[in-house]
Full PDB file with SEQRES, HELIX, SHEET, SSBOND, CRYST1, ORIGX, SCALE, CONECT and MASTER records, all heavy atoms in Angstrom:
SEQRES   1 A   38  SER LYS LYS SER VAL THR ALA THR ALA THR ALA GLY ARG          
SEQRES   2 A   38  TYR PRO GLY VAL PRO LYS GLN GLU VAL ILE LEU GLU PRO          
SEQRES   3 A   38  SER ILE LYS GLY GLU ARG ARG ASP LEU VAL GLN GLU              
HELIX    1 AA1 LYS A    3  VAL A    5  5                                   3    
HELIX    2 AA2 GLY A   30  GLN A   37  1                                   8    
SHEET    1 AA1 2 THR A   6  THR A   8  0                                        
SHEET    2 AA1 2 GLU A  21  ILE A  23 -1                                        
CRYST1    1.000    1.000    1.000  90.00  90.00  90.00 P 1           1          
ORIGX1      1.000000  0.000000  0.000000        0.00000                         
ORIGX2      0.000000  1.000000  0.000000        0.00000                         
ORIGX3      0.000000  0.000000  1.000000        0.00000                         
SCALE1      1.000000  0.000000  0.000000        0.00000                         
SCALE2      0.000000  1.000000  0.000000        0.00000                         
SCALE3      0.000000  0.000000  1.000000        0.00000                         
ATOM      1  N   SER A   1     -10.484 121.646 -30.165  1.00  0.00           N  
ATOM      2  CA  SER A   1     -10.399 120.180 -30.428  1.00  0.00           C  
ATOM      3  C   SER A   1      -9.199 119.611 -29.675  1.00  0.00           C  
ATOM      4  O   SER A   1      -9.273 118.481 -29.239  1.00  0.00           O  
ATOM      5  CB  SER A   1     -10.222 120.015 -31.934  1.00  0.00           C  
ATOM      6  OG  SER A   1     -11.345 120.482 -32.641  1.00  0.00           O  
ATOM      7  N   LYS A   2      -8.116 120.368 -29.627  1.00  0.00           N  
ATOM      8  CA  LYS A   2      -6.883 119.840 -28.946  1.00  0.00           C  
ATOM      9  C   LYS A   2      -7.216 119.585 -27.502  1.00  0.00           C  
ATOM     10  O   LYS A   2      -6.817 118.599 -26.920  1.00  0.00           O  
ATOM     11  CB  LYS A   2      -5.740 120.824 -29.110  1.00  0.00           C  
ATOM     12  CG  LYS A   2      -4.438 120.258 -28.573  1.00  0.00           C  
ATOM     13  CD  LYS A   2      -3.303 121.182 -28.859  1.00  0.00           C  
ATOM     14  CE  LYS A   2      -1.972 120.596 -28.366  1.00  0.00           C  
ATOM     15  NZ  LYS A   2      -0.883 121.549 -28.631  1.00  0.00           N  
ATOM     16  N   LYS A   3      -7.908 120.521 -26.855  1.00  0.00           N  
ATOM     17  CA  LYS A   3      -8.282 120.353 -25.459  1.00  0.00           C  
ATOM     18  C   LYS A   3      -9.150 119.160 -25.231  1.00  0.00           C  
ATOM     19  O   LYS A   3      -9.027 118.418 -24.268  1.00  0.00           O  
ATOM     20  CB  LYS A   3      -8.886 121.577 -24.910  1.00  0.00           C  
ATOM     21  CG  LYS A   3      -7.982 122.854 -24.788  1.00  0.00           C  
ATOM     22  CD  LYS A   3      -8.719 124.053 -24.262  1.00  0.00           C  
ATOM     23  CE  LYS A   3      -7.774 125.255 -24.149  1.00  0.00           C  
ATOM     24  NZ  LYS A   3      -8.502 126.453 -23.693  1.00  0.00           N  
ATOM     25  N   SER A   4     -10.058 118.946 -26.129  1.00  0.00           N  
ATOM     26  CA  SER A   4     -11.051 117.896 -25.987  1.00  0.00           C  
ATOM     27  C   SER A   4     -10.465 116.502 -26.101  1.00  0.00           C  
ATOM     28  O   SER A   4     -11.091 115.546 -25.729  1.00  0.00           O  
ATOM     29  CB  SER A   4     -12.221 118.073 -27.022  1.00  0.00           C  
ATOM     30  OG  SER A   4     -11.742 117.816 -28.323  1.00  0.00           O  
ATOM     31  N   VAL A   5      -9.281 116.376 -26.702  1.00  0.00           N  
ATOM     32  CA  VAL A   5      -8.680 115.070 -26.891  1.00  0.00           C  
ATOM     33  C   VAL A   5      -7.473 114.824 -25.980  1.00  0.00           C  
ATOM     34  O   VAL A   5      -6.738 113.911 -26.145  1.00  0.00           O  
ATOM     35  CB  VAL A   5      -8.238 114.793 -28.334  1.00  0.00           C  
ATOM     36  CG1 VAL A   5      -9.469 114.868 -29.263  1.00  0.00           C  
ATOM     37  CG2 VAL A   5      -7.225 115.835 -28.789  1.00  0.00           C  
ATOM     38  N   THR A   6      -7.328 115.665 -24.959  1.00  0.00           N  
ATOM     39  CA  THR A   6      -6.187 115.533 -24.112  1.00  0.00           C  
ATOM     40  C   THR A   6      -6.715 115.112 -22.656  1.00  0.00           C  
ATOM     41  O   THR A   6      -7.513 115.822 -22.127  1.00  0.00           O  
ATOM     42  CB  THR A   6      -5.404 116.844 -23.951  1.00  0.00           C  
ATOM     43  OG1 THR A   6      -5.029 117.258 -25.239  1.00  0.00           O  
ATOM     44  CG2 THR A   6      -4.224 116.721 -23.139  1.00  0.00           C  
ATOM     45  N   ALA A   7      -6.182 114.044 -22.221  1.00  0.00           N  
ATOM     46  CA  ALA A   7      -6.495 113.595 -20.832  1.00  0.00           C  
ATOM     47  C   ALA A   7      -5.268 113.611 -20.025  1.00  0.00           C  
ATOM     48  O   ALA A   7      -4.246 112.950 -20.386  1.00  0.00           O  
ATOM     49  CB  ALA A   7      -7.072 112.190 -20.834  1.00  0.00           C  
ATOM     50  N   THR A   8      -5.167 114.349 -18.919  1.00  0.00           N  
ATOM     51  CA  THR A   8      -3.975 114.460 -18.094  1.00  0.00           C  
ATOM     52  C   THR A   8      -4.209 113.948 -16.746  1.00  0.00           C  
ATOM     53  O   THR A   8      -5.244 114.109 -16.141  1.00  0.00           O  
ATOM     54  CB  THR A   8      -3.563 115.960 -17.994  1.00  0.00           C  
ATOM     55  OG1 THR A   8      -3.418 116.516 -19.311  1.00  0.00           O  
ATOM     56  CG2 THR A   8      -2.219 116.147 -17.318  1.00  0.00           C  
ATOM     57  N   ALA A   9      -3.185 113.271 -16.193  1.00  0.00           N  
ATOM     58  CA  ALA A   9      -3.307 112.701 -14.827  1.00  0.00           C  
ATOM     59  C   ALA A   9      -3.447 113.860 -13.881  1.00  0.00           C  
ATOM     60  O   ALA A   9      -2.677 114.853 -13.918  1.00  0.00           O  
ATOM     61  CB  ALA A   9      -2.058 111.917 -14.516  1.00  0.00           C  
ATOM     62  N   THR A  10      -4.418 113.726 -12.898  1.00  0.00           N  
ATOM     63  CA  THR A  10      -4.617 114.786 -11.899  1.00  0.00           C  
ATOM     64  C   THR A  10      -4.408 114.241 -10.477  1.00  0.00           C  
ATOM     65  O   THR A  10      -4.436 115.008  -9.512  1.00  0.00           O  
ATOM     66  CB  THR A  10      -6.034 115.363 -12.054  1.00  0.00           C  
ATOM     67  OG1 THR A  10      -6.965 114.254 -11.928  1.00  0.00           O  
ATOM     68  CG2 THR A  10      -6.230 116.067 -13.324  1.00  0.00           C  
ATOM     69  N   ALA A  11      -4.255 112.940 -10.318  1.00  0.00           N  
ATOM     70  CA  ALA A  11      -4.095 112.371  -8.961  1.00  0.00           C  
ATOM     71  C   ALA A  11      -2.717 112.639  -8.517  1.00  0.00           C  
ATOM     72  O   ALA A  11      -1.817 113.108  -9.270  1.00  0.00           O  
ATOM     73  CB  ALA A  11      -4.355 110.882  -9.019  1.00  0.00           C  
ATOM     74  N   GLY A  12      -2.493 112.457  -7.138  1.00  0.00           N  
ATOM     75  CA  GLY A  12      -1.183 112.675  -6.576  1.00  0.00           C  
ATOM     76  C   GLY A  12      -0.141 111.691  -7.112  1.00  0.00           C  
ATOM     77  O   GLY A  12      -0.503 110.610  -7.546  1.00  0.00           O  
ATOM     78  N   ARG A  13       1.110 112.120  -7.297  1.00  0.00           N  
ATOM     79  CA  ARG A  13       2.161 111.289  -7.892  1.00  0.00           C  
ATOM     80  C   ARG A  13       3.208 110.877  -6.921  1.00  0.00           C  
ATOM     81  O   ARG A  13       3.435 111.568  -5.916  1.00  0.00           O  
ATOM     82  CB  ARG A  13       2.751 112.072  -9.087  1.00  0.00           C  
ATOM     83  CG  ARG A  13       1.757 112.384 -10.230  1.00  0.00           C  
ATOM     84  CD  ARG A  13       2.459 113.173 -11.293  1.00  0.00           C  
ATOM     85  NE  ARG A  13       2.605 114.600 -10.807  1.00  0.00           N  
ATOM     86  CZ  ARG A  13       3.699 115.315 -10.963  1.00  0.00           C  
ATOM     87  NH1 ARG A  13       4.739 114.820 -11.514  1.00  0.00           N  
ATOM     88  NH2 ARG A  13       3.719 116.536 -10.613  1.00  0.00           N  
ATOM     89  N   TYR A  14       3.929 109.818  -7.217  1.00  0.00           N  
ATOM     90  CA  TYR A  14       5.071 109.472  -6.490  1.00  0.00           C  
ATOM     91  C   TYR A  14       6.218 110.496  -6.686  1.00  0.00           C  
ATOM     92  O   TYR A  14       6.274 111.055  -7.712  1.00  0.00           O  
ATOM     93  CB  TYR A  14       5.583 108.077  -6.944  1.00  0.00           C  
ATOM     94  CG  TYR A  14       4.817 106.938  -6.449  1.00  0.00           C  
ATOM     95  CD1 TYR A  14       3.768 106.382  -7.152  1.00  0.00           C  
ATOM     96  CD2 TYR A  14       5.238 106.276  -5.283  1.00  0.00           C  
ATOM     97  CE1 TYR A  14       3.026 105.311  -6.704  1.00  0.00           C  
ATOM     98  CE2 TYR A  14       4.503 105.188  -4.768  1.00  0.00           C  
ATOM     99  CZ  TYR A  14       3.476 104.662  -5.526  1.00  0.00           C  
ATOM    100  OH  TYR A  14       2.747 103.670  -5.018  1.00  0.00           O  
ATOM    101  N   PRO A  15       6.947 110.738  -5.681  1.00  0.00           N  
ATOM    102  CA  PRO A  15       8.097 111.735  -5.804  1.00  0.00           C  
ATOM    103  C   PRO A  15       9.014 111.228  -6.940  1.00  0.00           C  
ATOM    104  O   PRO A  15       9.447 110.120  -7.007  1.00  0.00           O  
ATOM    105  CB  PRO A  15       8.734 111.662  -4.450  1.00  0.00           C  
ATOM    106  CG  PRO A  15       7.718 111.205  -3.494  1.00  0.00           C  
ATOM    107  CD  PRO A  15       6.859 110.279  -4.331  1.00  0.00           C  
ATOM    108  N   GLY A  16       9.301 112.152  -7.827  1.00  0.00           N  
ATOM    109  CA  GLY A  16      10.286 111.856  -8.911  1.00  0.00           C  
ATOM    110  C   GLY A  16       9.633 111.175 -10.083  1.00  0.00           C  
ATOM    111  O   GLY A  16      10.319 111.069 -11.169  1.00  0.00           O  
ATOM    112  N   VAL A  17       8.375 110.857 -10.059  1.00  0.00           N  
ATOM    113  CA  VAL A  17       7.695 110.262 -11.199  1.00  0.00           C  
ATOM    114  C   VAL A  17       7.123 111.437 -12.064  1.00  0.00           C  
ATOM    115  O   VAL A  17       6.262 112.186 -11.571  1.00  0.00           O  
ATOM    116  CB  VAL A  17       6.549 109.286 -10.773  1.00  0.00           C  
ATOM    117  CG1 VAL A  17       5.859 108.785 -11.999  1.00  0.00           C  
ATOM    118  CG2 VAL A  17       7.116 108.171  -9.970  1.00  0.00           C  
ATOM    119  N   PRO A  18       7.487 111.546 -13.252  1.00  0.00           N  
ATOM    120  CA  PRO A  18       7.053 112.634 -14.132  1.00  0.00           C  
ATOM    121  C   PRO A  18       5.535 112.566 -14.420  1.00  0.00           C  
ATOM    122  O   PRO A  18       4.989 111.531 -14.440  1.00  0.00           O  
ATOM    123  CB  PRO A  18       7.888 112.456 -15.427  1.00  0.00           C  
ATOM    124  CG  PRO A  18       8.197 110.955 -15.442  1.00  0.00           C  
ATOM    125  CD  PRO A  18       8.352 110.589 -14.029  1.00  0.00           C  
ATOM    126  N   LYS A  19       5.035 113.757 -14.657  1.00  0.00           N  
ATOM    127  CA  LYS A  19       3.612 113.839 -15.036  1.00  0.00           C  
ATOM    128  C   LYS A  19       3.405 113.186 -16.355  1.00  0.00           C  
ATOM    129  O   LYS A  19       4.189 113.344 -17.244  1.00  0.00           O  
ATOM    130  CB  LYS A  19       3.175 115.332 -15.107  1.00  0.00           C  
ATOM    131  CG  LYS A  19       1.742 115.541 -15.419  1.00  0.00           C  
ATOM    132  CD  LYS A  19       1.513 117.052 -15.399  1.00  0.00           C  
ATOM    133  CE  LYS A  19       0.015 117.392 -15.670  1.00  0.00           C  
ATOM    134  NZ  LYS A  19      -0.210 118.837 -15.734  1.00  0.00           N  
ATOM    135  N   GLN A  20       2.321 112.377 -16.506  1.00  0.00           N  
ATOM    136  CA  GLN A  20       2.118 111.691 -17.751  1.00  0.00           C  
ATOM    137  C   GLN A  20       0.827 112.208 -18.388  1.00  0.00           C  
ATOM    138  O   GLN A  20      -0.150 112.433 -17.735  1.00  0.00           O  
ATOM    139  CB  GLN A  20       2.001 110.179 -17.514  1.00  0.00           C  
ATOM    140  CG  GLN A  20       3.282 109.518 -17.018  1.00  0.00           C  
ATOM    141  CD  GLN A  20       3.140 108.043 -16.849  1.00  0.00           C  
ATOM    142  OE1 GLN A  20       2.320 107.568 -16.103  1.00  0.00           O  
ATOM    143  NE2 GLN A  20       3.966 107.294 -17.507  1.00  0.00           N  
ATOM    144  N   GLU A  21       0.974 112.370 -19.692  1.00  0.00           N  
ATOM    145  CA  GLU A  21      -0.154 112.929 -20.473  1.00  0.00           C  
ATOM    146  C   GLU A  21      -0.356 112.078 -21.661  1.00  0.00           C  
ATOM    147  O   GLU A  21       0.585 111.531 -22.259  1.00  0.00           O  
ATOM    148  CB  GLU A  21       0.160 114.340 -20.904  1.00  0.00           C  
ATOM    149  CG  GLU A  21      -0.972 115.076 -21.626  1.00  0.00           C  
ATOM    150  CD  GLU A  21      -0.593 116.499 -21.989  1.00  0.00           C  
ATOM    151  OE1 GLU A  21       0.016 116.726 -23.055  1.00  0.00           O  
ATOM    152  OE2 GLU A  21      -0.844 117.404 -21.158  1.00  0.00           O  
ATOM    153  N   VAL A  22      -1.682 111.918 -22.065  1.00  0.00           N  
ATOM    154  CA  VAL A  22      -2.040 111.080 -23.205  1.00  0.00           C  
ATOM    155  C   VAL A  22      -2.972 111.871 -24.142  1.00  0.00           C  
ATOM    156  O   VAL A  22      -3.901 112.468 -23.654  1.00  0.00           O  
ATOM    157  CB  VAL A  22      -2.747 109.767 -22.766  1.00  0.00           C  
ATOM    158  CG1 VAL A  22      -3.277 109.040 -23.974  1.00  0.00           C  
ATOM    159  CG2 VAL A  22      -1.701 108.842 -21.984  1.00  0.00           C  
ATOM    160  N   ILE A  23      -2.611 111.874 -25.424  1.00  0.00           N  
ATOM    161  CA  ILE A  23      -3.502 112.538 -26.356  1.00  0.00           C  
ATOM    162  C   ILE A  23      -4.444 111.445 -26.924  1.00  0.00           C  
ATOM    163  O   ILE A  23      -3.987 110.454 -27.513  1.00  0.00           O  
ATOM    164  CB  ILE A  23      -2.703 113.071 -27.549  1.00  0.00           C  
ATOM    165  CG1 ILE A  23      -1.661 114.097 -26.985  1.00  0.00           C  
ATOM    166  CG2 ILE A  23      -3.648 113.841 -28.531  1.00  0.00           C  
ATOM    167  CD1 ILE A  23      -2.234 115.299 -26.271  1.00  0.00           C  
ATOM    168  N   LEU A  24      -5.752 111.575 -26.630  1.00  0.00           N  
ATOM    169  CA  LEU A  24      -6.649 110.583 -27.076  1.00  0.00           C  
ATOM    170  C   LEU A  24      -6.837 110.677 -28.624  1.00  0.00           C  
ATOM    171  O   LEU A  24      -6.959 111.730 -29.161  1.00  0.00           O  
ATOM    172  CB  LEU A  24      -7.983 110.782 -26.402  1.00  0.00           C  
ATOM    173  CG  LEU A  24      -8.006 110.783 -24.921  1.00  0.00           C  
ATOM    174  CD1 LEU A  24      -9.441 110.893 -24.410  1.00  0.00           C  
ATOM    175  CD2 LEU A  24      -7.397 109.540 -24.378  1.00  0.00           C  
ATOM    176  N   GLU A  25      -6.884 109.492 -29.182  1.00  0.00           N  
ATOM    177  CA  GLU A  25      -7.143 109.424 -30.674  1.00  0.00           C  
ATOM    178  C   GLU A  25      -8.587 109.883 -30.954  1.00  0.00           C  
ATOM    179  O   GLU A  25      -9.503 109.568 -30.248  1.00  0.00           O  
ATOM    180  CB  GLU A  25      -6.955 108.028 -31.171  1.00  0.00           C  
ATOM    181  CG  GLU A  25      -5.500 107.487 -30.953  1.00  0.00           C  
ATOM    182  CD  GLU A  25      -5.385 106.027 -31.317  1.00  0.00           C  
ATOM    183  OE1 GLU A  25      -6.379 105.421 -31.676  1.00  0.00           O  
ATOM    184  OE2 GLU A  25      -4.299 105.452 -31.102  1.00  0.00           O  
ATOM    185  N   PRO A  26      -8.810 110.652 -32.051  1.00  0.00           N  
ATOM    186  CA  PRO A  26     -10.071 111.202 -32.369  1.00  0.00           C  
ATOM    187  C   PRO A  26     -11.134 110.027 -32.509  1.00  0.00           C  
ATOM    188  O   PRO A  26     -12.315 110.262 -32.316  1.00  0.00           O  
ATOM    189  CB  PRO A  26      -9.858 111.898 -33.695  1.00  0.00           C  
ATOM    190  CG  PRO A  26      -8.417 112.266 -33.697  1.00  0.00           C  
ATOM    191  CD  PRO A  26      -7.726 111.123 -32.979  1.00  0.00           C  
ATOM    192  N   SER A  27     -10.719 108.849 -32.843  1.00  0.00           N  
ATOM    193  CA  SER A  27     -11.632 107.743 -33.071  1.00  0.00           C  
ATOM    194  C   SER A  27     -12.206 107.213 -31.771  1.00  0.00           C  
ATOM    195  O   SER A  27     -13.161 106.422 -31.803  1.00  0.00           O  
ATOM    196  CB  SER A  27     -10.981 106.623 -33.893  1.00  0.00           C  
ATOM    197  OG  SER A  27      -9.841 106.144 -33.122  1.00  0.00           O  
ATOM    198  N   ILE A  28     -11.602 107.549 -30.642  1.00  0.00           N  
ATOM    199  CA  ILE A  28     -12.058 107.063 -29.330  1.00  0.00           C  
ATOM    200  C   ILE A  28     -13.221 107.948 -28.923  1.00  0.00           C  
ATOM    201  O   ILE A  28     -13.079 109.111 -28.625  1.00  0.00           O  
ATOM    202  CB  ILE A  28     -10.915 107.154 -28.259  1.00  0.00           C  
ATOM    203  CG1 ILE A  28      -9.762 106.331 -28.695  1.00  0.00           C  
ATOM    204  CG2 ILE A  28     -11.457 106.613 -26.951  1.00  0.00           C  
ATOM    205  CD1 ILE A  28      -8.631 106.416 -27.787  1.00  0.00           C  
ATOM    206  N   LYS A  29     -14.433 107.388 -28.885  1.00  0.00           N  
ATOM    207  CA  LYS A  29     -15.629 108.114 -28.573  1.00  0.00           C  
ATOM    208  C   LYS A  29     -16.516 107.370 -27.574  1.00  0.00           C  
ATOM    209  O   LYS A  29     -16.262 106.199 -27.321  1.00  0.00           O  
ATOM    210  CB  LYS A  29     -16.416 108.357 -29.895  1.00  0.00           C  
ATOM    211  CG  LYS A  29     -15.622 109.162 -30.939  1.00  0.00           C  
ATOM    212  CD  LYS A  29     -16.443 109.375 -32.228  1.00  0.00           C  
ATOM    213  CE  LYS A  29     -15.670 110.149 -33.249  1.00  0.00           C  
ATOM    214  NZ  LYS A  29     -16.443 110.369 -34.481  1.00  0.00           N  
ATOM    215  N   GLY A  30     -17.572 108.023 -27.146  1.00  0.00           N  
ATOM    216  CA  GLY A  30     -18.544 107.441 -26.355  1.00  0.00           C  
ATOM    217  C   GLY A  30     -18.042 106.740 -25.050  1.00  0.00           C  
ATOM    218  O   GLY A  30     -17.252 107.386 -24.317  1.00  0.00           O  
ATOM    219  N   GLU A  31     -18.469 105.598 -24.791  1.00  0.00           N  
ATOM    220  CA  GLU A  31     -18.129 104.923 -23.604  1.00  0.00           C  
ATOM    221  C   GLU A  31     -16.585 104.635 -23.464  1.00  0.00           C  
ATOM    222  O   GLU A  31     -16.041 104.745 -22.387  1.00  0.00           O  
ATOM    223  CB  GLU A  31     -18.857 103.526 -23.524  1.00  0.00           C  
ATOM    224  CG  GLU A  31     -18.697 102.756 -22.273  1.00  0.00           C  
ATOM    225  CD  GLU A  31     -19.502 101.490 -22.205  1.00  0.00           C  
ATOM    226  OE1 GLU A  31     -20.200 101.175 -23.207  1.00  0.00           O  
ATOM    227  OE2 GLU A  31     -19.431 100.730 -21.164  1.00  0.00           O  
ATOM    228  N   ARG A  32     -15.989 104.326 -24.577  1.00  0.00           N  
ATOM    229  CA  ARG A  32     -14.540 104.041 -24.521  1.00  0.00           C  
ATOM    230  C   ARG A  32     -13.793 105.303 -24.119  1.00  0.00           C  
ATOM    231  O   ARG A  32     -12.803 105.269 -23.463  1.00  0.00           O  
ATOM    232  CB  ARG A  32     -14.069 103.513 -25.873  1.00  0.00           C  
ATOM    233  CG  ARG A  32     -14.611 102.109 -26.148  1.00  0.00           C  
ATOM    234  CD  ARG A  32     -14.042 101.533 -27.417  1.00  0.00           C  
ATOM    235  NE  ARG A  32     -14.610 100.169 -27.601  1.00  0.00           N  
ATOM    236  CZ  ARG A  32     -14.172  99.081 -27.092  1.00  0.00           C  
ATOM    237  NH1 ARG A  32     -13.091  99.107 -26.237  1.00  0.00           N  
ATOM    238  NH2 ARG A  32     -14.712  97.946 -27.304  1.00  0.00           N  
ATOM    239  N   ARG A  33     -14.192 106.436 -24.648  1.00  0.00           N  
ATOM    240  CA  ARG A  33     -13.537 107.678 -24.267  1.00  0.00           C  
ATOM    241  C   ARG A  33     -13.734 107.976 -22.806  1.00  0.00           C  
ATOM    242  O   ARG A  33     -12.819 108.451 -22.110  1.00  0.00           O  
ATOM    243  CB  ARG A  33     -14.155 108.846 -25.141  1.00  0.00           C  
ATOM    244  CG  ARG A  33     -13.404 110.157 -24.974  1.00  0.00           C  
ATOM    245  CD  ARG A  33     -14.072 111.207 -25.833  1.00  0.00           C  
ATOM    246  NE  ARG A  33     -13.207 112.419 -25.931  1.00  0.00           N  
ATOM    247  CZ  ARG A  33     -12.314 112.575 -26.812  1.00  0.00           C  
ATOM    248  NH1 ARG A  33     -12.050 111.636 -27.713  1.00  0.00           N  
ATOM    249  NH2 ARG A  33     -11.589 113.632 -26.840  1.00  0.00           N  
ATOM    250  N   ASP A  34     -14.953 107.722 -22.251  1.00  0.00           N  
ATOM    251  CA  ASP A  34     -15.188 107.902 -20.853  1.00  0.00           C  
ATOM    252  C   ASP A  34     -14.265 107.033 -19.986  1.00  0.00           C  
ATOM    253  O   ASP A  34     -13.774 107.509 -18.946  1.00  0.00           O  
ATOM    254  CB  ASP A  34     -16.628 107.641 -20.509  1.00  0.00           C  
ATOM    255  CG  ASP A  34     -17.595 108.557 -21.173  1.00  0.00           C  
ATOM    256  OD1 ASP A  34     -17.228 109.662 -21.548  1.00  0.00           O  
ATOM    257  OD2 ASP A  34     -18.791 108.243 -21.325  1.00  0.00           O  
ATOM    258  N   LEU A  35     -14.034 105.797 -20.410  1.00  0.00           N  
ATOM    259  CA  LEU A  35     -13.208 104.877 -19.705  1.00  0.00           C  
ATOM    260  C   LEU A  35     -11.770 105.407 -19.650  1.00  0.00           C  
ATOM    261  O   LEU A  35     -11.146 105.418 -18.541  1.00  0.00           O  
ATOM    262  CB  LEU A  35     -13.235 103.532 -20.300  1.00  0.00           C  
ATOM    263  CG  LEU A  35     -14.524 102.682 -20.137  1.00  0.00           C  
ATOM    264  CD1 LEU A  35     -14.593 101.538 -21.099  1.00  0.00           C  
ATOM    265  CD2 LEU A  35     -14.682 102.224 -18.662  1.00  0.00           C  
ATOM    266  N   VAL A  36     -11.222 105.867 -20.725  1.00  0.00           N  
ATOM    267  CA  VAL A  36      -9.852 106.336 -20.811  1.00  0.00           C  
ATOM    268  C   VAL A  36      -9.663 107.595 -19.983  1.00  0.00           C  
ATOM    269  O   VAL A  36      -8.730 107.797 -19.229  1.00  0.00           O  
ATOM    270  CB  VAL A  36      -9.403 106.613 -22.216  1.00  0.00           C  
ATOM    271  CG1 VAL A  36      -8.039 107.236 -22.303  1.00  0.00           C  
ATOM    272  CG2 VAL A  36      -9.378 105.309 -23.041  1.00  0.00           C  
ATOM    273  N   GLN A  37     -10.643 108.550 -20.096  1.00  0.00           N  
ATOM    274  CA  GLN A  37     -10.578 109.750 -19.309  1.00  0.00           C  
ATOM    275  C   GLN A  37     -10.614 109.514 -17.844  1.00  0.00           C  
ATOM    276  O   GLN A  37      -9.929 110.129 -17.019  1.00  0.00           O  
ATOM    277  CB  GLN A  37     -11.667 110.744 -19.736  1.00  0.00           C  
ATOM    278  CG  GLN A  37     -11.447 111.303 -21.124  1.00  0.00           C  
ATOM    279  CD  GLN A  37     -12.568 112.228 -21.605  1.00  0.00           C  
ATOM    280  OE1 GLN A  37     -13.704 111.990 -21.263  1.00  0.00           O  
ATOM    281  NE2 GLN A  37     -12.255 113.206 -22.419  1.00  0.00           N  
ATOM    282  N   GLU A  38     -11.452 108.548 -17.456  1.00  0.00           N  
ATOM    283  CA  GLU A  38     -11.543 108.177 -16.013  1.00  0.00           C  
ATOM    284  C   GLU A  38     -10.194 107.611 -15.522  1.00  0.00           C  
ATOM    285  O   GLU A  38      -9.776 107.994 -14.455  1.00  0.00           O  
ATOM    286  CB  GLU A  38     -12.722 107.234 -15.795  1.00  0.00           C  
ATOM    287  CG  GLU A  38     -12.766 106.623 -14.347  1.00  0.00           C  
ATOM    288  CD  GLU A  38     -13.008 107.607 -13.302  1.00  0.00           C  
ATOM    289  OE1 GLU A  38     -13.589 108.713 -13.599  1.00  0.00           O  
ATOM    290  OE2 GLU A  38     -12.652 107.405 -12.132  1.00  0.00           O  
TER     291      GLU A  38                                                      
MASTER        0    0    0    2    2    0    0    6  290    1    0    3          
END                                                                             
């Protein structure tokens, strides 16, 4: 479940900009979840 609600940035980053991670709320489902993950 923890893995399924975690979306992590995978694109290239600016030098010095920390990796950003967001834990998706369980209530975010369907199309809205797809939008956030994208």
